[in-house]
Amino acid sequence: MMNLAAEVSGSLGSIGYGLAAIGPGIGVGIVFGNGTQALARQPEAAGLIRQNQILGFAFCEALALIGIVLPFVYGK
């Protein structure tokens, strides 16, 4: 039983990042989905809506980038 845990521990960082990437992926989908709906409802506000979409996308992707870096910082 201990040998199996030792063999699996080498790829736990990649599994953890895969699970951590789910949140930013959902966030990006929500940002662009709601932005598209807002553009359909008020096309005259396209500049402001697009600006907010890009800002929301940047915040979501920052979480994904932090998730990539953390296994290297806290890894063995």
C-alpha atoms as a PDB file:
ATOM      1  CA  MET A   1       0.000   0.000   0.000  1.00  0.00           C
ATOM      2  CA  MET A   2       2.814   2.440   0.777  1.00  0.00           C
ATOM      3  CA  ASN A   3       4.534   1.743  -2.548  1.00  0.00           C
ATOM      4  CA  LEU A   4       1.399   2.689  -4.449  1.00  0.00           C
ATOM      5  CA  ALA A   5       1.145   6.032  -2.639  1.00  0.00           C
ATOM      6  CA  ALA A   6       4.810   6.755  -3.402  1.00  0.00           C
ATOM      7  CA  GLU A   7       4.284   6.044  -7.101  1.00  0.00           C
ATOM      8  CA  VAL A   8       1.236   8.302  -7.354  1.00  0.00           C
ATOM      9  CA  SER A   9       2.782  11.238  -5.476  1.00  0.00           C
ATOM     10  CA  GLY A  10       4.940  12.220  -8.456  1.00  0.00           C
ATOM     11  CA  SER A  11       1.946  13.361 -10.492  1.00  0.00           C
ATOM     12  CA  LEU A  12      -0.187  14.845  -7.716  1.00  0.00           C
ATOM     13  CA  GLY A  13       0.947  18.370  -8.651  1.00  0.00           C
ATOM     14  CA  SER A  14      -0.362  18.010 -12.171  1.00  0.00           C
ATOM     15  CA  ILE A  15      -3.623  16.515 -10.937  1.00  0.00           C
ATOM     16  CA  GLY A  16      -3.964  19.370  -8.455  1.00  0.00           C
ATOM     17  CA  TYR A  17      -3.399  21.960 -11.156  1.00  0.00           C
ATOM     18  CA  GLY A  18      -5.928  20.258 -13.403  1.00  0.00           C
ATOM     19  CA  LEU A  19      -8.498  20.527 -10.643  1.00  0.00           C
ATOM     20  CA  ALA A  20      -7.466  24.120  -9.890  1.00  0.00           C
ATOM     21  CA  ALA A  21      -7.925  25.109 -13.543  1.00  0.00           C
ATOM     22  CA  ILE A  22     -11.631  24.244 -13.385  1.00  0.00           C
ATOM     23  CA  GLY A  23     -12.460  27.415 -11.408  1.00  0.00           C
ATOM     24  CA  PRO A  24     -10.832  29.930 -13.774  1.00  0.00           C
ATOM     25  CA  GLY A  25     -12.294  28.042 -16.741  1.00  0.00           C
ATOM     26  CA  ILE A  26     -15.787  28.402 -15.359  1.00  0.00           C
ATOM     27  CA  GLY A  27     -15.085  32.049 -14.487  1.00  0.00           C
ATOM     28  CA  VAL A  28     -13.978  32.871 -18.034  1.00  0.00           C
ATOM     29  CA  GLY A  29     -17.093  31.209 -19.403  1.00  0.00           C
ATOM     30  CA  ILE A  30     -19.315  33.241 -17.103  1.00  0.00           C
ATOM     31  CA  VAL A  31     -17.520  36.500 -17.948  1.00  0.00           C
ATOM     32  CA  PHE A  32     -17.829  36.092 -21.711  1.00  0.00           C
ATOM     33  CA  GLY A  33     -21.307  34.576 -21.566  1.00  0.00           C
ATOM     34  CA  ASN A  34     -22.685  37.461 -19.562  1.00  0.00           C
ATOM     35  CA  GLY A  35     -20.749  39.948 -21.682  1.00  0.00           C
ATOM     36  CA  THR A  36     -22.336  38.552 -24.827  1.00  0.00           C
ATOM     37  CA  GLN A  37     -25.780  38.824 -23.265  1.00  0.00           C
ATOM     38  CA  ALA A  38     -25.079  42.409 -22.209  1.00  0.00           C
ATOM     39  CA  LEU A  39     -23.933  43.312 -25.733  1.00  0.00           C
ATOM     40  CA  ALA A  40     -27.123  41.829 -27.149  1.00  0.00           C
ATOM     41  CA  ARG A  41     -29.268  43.868 -24.752  1.00  0.00           C
ATOM     42  CA  GLN A  42     -27.395  47.186 -25.015  1.00  0.00           C
ATOM     43  CA  PRO A  43     -25.252  47.420 -28.147  1.00  0.00           C
ATOM     44  CA  GLU A  44     -24.622  51.123 -27.543  1.00  0.00           C
ATOM     45  CA  ALA A  45     -22.567  50.253 -24.426  1.00  0.00           C
ATOM     46  CA  ALA A  46     -20.203  47.961 -26.358  1.00  0.00           C
ATOM     47  CA  GLY A  47     -17.019  49.807 -25.357  1.00  0.00           C
ATOM     48  CA  LEU A  48     -17.709  49.680 -21.626  1.00  0.00           C
ATOM     49  CA  ILE A  49     -18.918  46.076 -21.739  1.00  0.00           C
ATOM     50  CA  ARG A  50     -15.867  44.949 -23.705  1.00  0.00           C
ATOM     51  CA  GLN A  51     -13.559  46.756 -21.279  1.00  0.00           C
ATOM     52  CA  ASN A  52     -15.199  45.004 -18.325  1.00  0.00           C
ATOM     53  CA  GLN A  53     -14.975  41.661 -20.129  1.00  0.00           C
ATOM     54  CA  ILE A  54     -11.237  42.050 -20.610  1.00  0.00           C
ATOM     55  CA  LEU A  55     -10.767  43.055 -16.970  1.00  0.00           C
ATOM     56  CA  GLY A  56     -12.797  40.080 -15.735  1.00  0.00           C
ATOM     57  CA  PHE A  57     -10.879  37.756 -18.048  1.00  0.00           C
ATOM     58  CA  ALA A  58      -7.562  39.064 -16.701  1.00  0.00           C
ATOM     59  CA  PHE A  59      -8.621  38.450 -13.092  1.00  0.00           C
ATOM     60  CA  CYS A  60      -9.764  34.903 -13.888  1.00  0.00           C
ATOM     61  CA  GLU A  61      -6.588  34.083 -15.771  1.00  0.00           C
ATOM     62  CA  ALA A  62      -4.478  35.483 -12.927  1.00  0.00           C
ATOM     63  CA  LEU A  63      -5.927  32.757 -10.724  1.00  0.00           C
ATOM     64  CA  ALA A  64      -4.947  30.135 -13.287  1.00  0.00           C
ATOM     65  CA  LEU A  65      -1.402  31.495 -13.491  1.00  0.00           C
ATOM     66  CA  ILE A  66      -1.102  31.450  -9.708  1.00  0.00           C
ATOM     67  CA  GLY A  67      -2.210  27.817  -9.847  1.00  0.00           C
ATOM     68  CA  ILE A  68       0.613  27.034 -12.272  1.00  0.00           C
ATOM     69  CA  VAL A  69       3.267  28.721 -10.116  1.00  0.00           C
ATOM     70  CA  LEU A  70       2.282  27.388  -6.686  1.00  0.00           C
ATOM     71  CA  PRO A  71       3.363  23.755  -7.250  1.00  0.00           C
ATOM     72  CA  PHE A  72       6.839  25.021  -8.188  1.00  0.00           C
ATOM     73  CA  VAL A  73       7.037  27.317  -5.154  1.00  0.00           C
ATOM     74  CA  TYR A  74       5.751  24.806  -2.584  1.00  0.00           C
ATOM     75  CA  GLY A  75       6.973  21.628  -4.263  1.00  0.00           C
ATOM     76  CA  LYS A  76       9.751  19.481  -2.882  1.00  0.00           C
END
